[in-house]
Amino acid sequence: MFLIKTMMPNPLAGLNPMGGGDEDVEAAPADPAKAAGMTREEYEEYQKQLVEEKMERDADFLHKKAERATLRVCLRDKYRLPKSEQDDNMLAMAGDDVDVPEELLKMVDEDATEEEDKDSILGGLQNLQNMDMDQLKEKASATVTEMKAKAEEKCSVM
């Protein structure tokens, strides 16, 4: 069906309900400056401004992306995760002038101190105080019975 429609043009397409045929072609001006209602110089200046603003936005965007990539690299180093080639490429494109924003560094530092508190002996003692001893005993006995059941499955002597 599509092939037939493309092969045979619509015979009514050229008819205009107001009469006339191809007279509306001149409605679109050839000069974009006249279309915008400006002189040629104003239009060129306007186009330069648009290009400069776009370049500035693009540069800011790339800088933000590089900052995020720097933060991801720091987090990967901290948690010993594999490096990302995409982040390395982004940092190479941005150069050495990229620093992690202070707000993000504060957040990372706060997370680090919280983790250090949890990993310390005092943090462990606080977690023990917050735990319910009956619940802890139940978990331990369930683990022991589970291990016994697995051992019995694997060992015929028991």
Protein backbone atom coordinates (compact mmCIF):
# COMPACT_ATOMS: atom_id res chain seq x y z
CA MET A 1 0.00 0.00 0.00
CA PHE A 2 2.86 2.35 0.91
CA LEU A 3 4.56 1.71 -2.40
CA ILE A 4 1.40 2.59 -4.32
CA LYS A 5 0.96 5.86 -2.41
CA THR A 6 4.52 6.93 -3.08
CA MET A 7 4.31 6.05 -6.77
CA MET A 8 1.06 7.92 -7.38
CA PRO A 9 0.92 11.48 -6.04
CA ASN A 10 -2.26 12.88 -4.56
CA PRO A 11 -4.16 14.62 -7.38
CA LEU A 12 -5.84 17.05 -4.95
CA ALA A 13 -2.59 18.20 -3.30
CA GLY A 14 -2.09 21.15 -5.65
CA LEU A 15 -5.56 22.59 -5.18
CA ASN A 16 -5.84 25.49 -2.79
CA PRO A 17 -9.32 26.12 -1.31
CA MET A 18 -8.83 29.88 -1.75
CA GLY A 19 -7.93 29.55 -5.41
CA GLY A 20 -4.50 30.14 -6.92
CA GLY A 21 -1.76 27.59 -7.07
CA ASP A 22 1.87 28.31 -6.20
CA GLU A 23 1.61 31.97 -5.19
CA ASP A 24 2.26 31.32 -1.47
CA VAL A 25 5.92 30.44 -2.11
CA GLU A 26 6.99 34.10 -1.77
CA ALA A 27 5.61 34.32 1.80
CA ALA A 28 8.86 33.02 3.32
CA PRO A 29 11.59 35.69 3.18
CA ALA A 30 15.02 34.59 2.03
CA ASP A 31 16.90 36.72 4.61
CA PRO A 32 16.63 35.38 8.19
CA ALA A 33 17.46 38.83 9.60
CA LYS A 34 14.35 40.28 8.00
CA ALA A 35 12.33 37.34 9.31
CA ALA A 36 13.51 38.15 12.85
CA GLY A 37 12.77 41.84 12.40
CA MET A 38 16.41 42.96 12.76
CA THR A 39 19.04 44.53 10.60
CA ARG A 40 21.80 42.35 9.21
CA GLU A 41 24.37 43.59 11.76
CA GLU A 42 22.00 43.06 14.69
CA TYR A 43 21.21 39.58 13.51
CA GLU A 44 24.91 38.68 13.17
CA GLU A 45 25.62 40.04 16.66
CA TYR A 46 22.69 38.06 18.01
CA GLN A 47 24.00 34.87 16.38
CA LYS A 48 27.47 35.49 17.87
CA GLN A 49 25.92 35.89 21.32
CA LEU A 50 24.01 32.65 20.92
CA VAL A 51 27.14 30.78 19.90
CA GLU A 52 29.16 32.25 22.79
CA GLU A 53 26.44 31.39 25.32
CA LYS A 54 26.21 27.85 23.99
CA MET A 55 29.98 27.43 24.22
CA GLU A 56 29.94 28.74 27.79
CA ARG A 57 27.11 26.37 28.77
CA ASP A 58 28.93 23.46 27.17
CA ALA A 59 32.15 24.33 29.01
CA ASP A 60 30.30 24.55 32.34
CA PHE A 61 28.58 21.24 31.64
CA LEU A 62 31.88 19.52 30.84
CA HIS A 63 33.42 20.98 33.98
CA LYS A 64 30.56 19.62 36.11
CA LYS A 65 30.90 16.22 34.45
CA ALA A 66 34.62 16.24 35.18
CA GLU A 67 33.97 17.14 38.83
CA ARG A 68 31.58 14.22 39.13
CA ALA A 69 34.10 11.92 37.46
CA THR A 70 36.75 13.08 39.94
CA LEU A 71 34.44 12.28 42.82
CA ARG A 72 33.69 8.84 41.37
CA VAL A 73 37.42 8.17 41.02
CA CYS A 74 37.95 9.18 44.66
CA LEU A 75 35.15 6.88 45.80
CA ARG A 76 36.48 4.02 43.68
CA ASP A 77 39.92 4.48 45.24
CA LYS A 78 38.42 4.65 48.71
CA TYR A 79 36.37 1.47 48.33
CA ARG A 80 38.95 -0.29 46.13
CA LEU A 81 36.55 -0.67 43.22
CA PRO A 82 37.72 -1.21 39.63
CA LYS A 83 38.56 1.93 37.69
CA SER A 84 36.26 3.24 35.00
CA GLU A 85 37.73 4.00 31.60
CA GLN A 86 34.95 6.50 30.96
CA ASP A 87 35.88 8.53 34.05
CA ASP A 88 39.57 8.42 33.12
CA ASN A 89 38.72 9.73 29.64
CA MET A 90 36.58 12.51 31.11
CA LEU A 91 39.39 13.59 33.42
CA ALA A 92 41.90 13.50 30.58
CA MET A 93 39.65 15.75 28.49
CA ALA A 94 39.13 18.22 31.36
CA GLY A 95 42.78 18.47 32.32
CA ASP A 96 44.21 19.14 35.76
CA ASP A 97 42.04 22.12 36.67
CA VAL A 98 39.20 19.97 38.03
CA ASP A 99 38.57 19.83 41.76
CA VAL A 100 35.79 18.10 43.60
CA PRO A 101 33.23 20.60 44.92
CA GLU A 102 33.56 21.29 48.64
CA GLU A 103 30.00 20.21 49.38
CA LEU A 104 30.64 16.78 47.86
CA LEU A 105 33.92 16.44 49.74
CA LYS A 106 32.12 17.24 52.99
CA MET A 107 29.56 14.54 52.25
CA VAL A 108 32.29 11.98 51.53
CA ASP A 109 34.19 12.95 54.68
CA GLU A 110 31.02 12.61 56.78
CA ASP A 111 30.42 9.15 55.33
CA ALA A 112 34.01 8.19 56.09
CA THR A 113 33.78 9.30 59.72
CA GLU A 114 30.49 7.43 60.16
CA GLU A 115 32.07 4.27 58.77
CA GLU A 116 35.11 4.67 61.00
CA ASP A 117 32.81 5.01 64.01
CA LYS A 118 30.97 1.85 63.03
CA ASP A 119 34.21 -0.05 62.48
CA SER A 120 35.77 1.00 65.78
CA ILE A 121 35.48 -0.98 69.00
CA LEU A 122 33.24 1.65 70.57
CA GLY A 123 30.94 1.51 67.55
CA GLY A 124 30.74 -2.25 67.92
CA LEU A 125 29.92 -1.92 71.60
CA GLN A 126 27.18 0.57 70.84
CA ASN A 127 25.70 -1.84 68.30
CA LEU A 128 25.76 -4.60 70.95
CA GLN A 129 23.88 -2.36 73.35
CA ASN A 130 21.22 -1.68 70.74
CA MET A 131 20.72 -5.37 69.91
CA ASP A 132 18.17 -7.54 71.61
CA MET A 133 19.90 -10.46 73.36
CA ASP A 134 17.00 -12.85 72.78
CA GLN A 135 17.07 -12.06 69.08
CA LEU A 136 20.84 -12.62 69.05
CA LYS A 137 20.45 -16.02 70.75
CA GLU A 138 17.77 -17.03 68.24
CA LYS A 139 20.01 -16.07 65.33
CA ALA A 140 22.91 -18.02 66.78
CA SER A 141 20.85 -21.16 67.41
CA ALA A 142 19.30 -20.95 63.93
CA THR A 143 22.77 -20.70 62.41
CA VAL A 144 24.01 -23.68 64.42
CA THR A 145 21.02 -25.84 63.43
CA GLU A 146 21.44 -24.81 59.79
CA MET A 147 25.10 -25.77 59.87
CA LYS A 148 24.25 -29.13 61.49
CA ALA A 149 21.66 -29.84 58.77
CA LYS A 150 24.17 -29.06 56.00
CA ALA A 151 26.82 -31.18 57.69
CA GLU A 152 24.41 -34.12 57.99
CA GLU A 153 23.57 -33.85 54.29
CA LYS A 154 27.22 -33.94 53.28
CA CYS A 155 28.57 -36.39 55.85
CA SER A 156 27.16 -39.90 56.18
CA VAL A 157 28.82 -40.55 59.59
CA MET A 158 26.78 -37.90 61.36
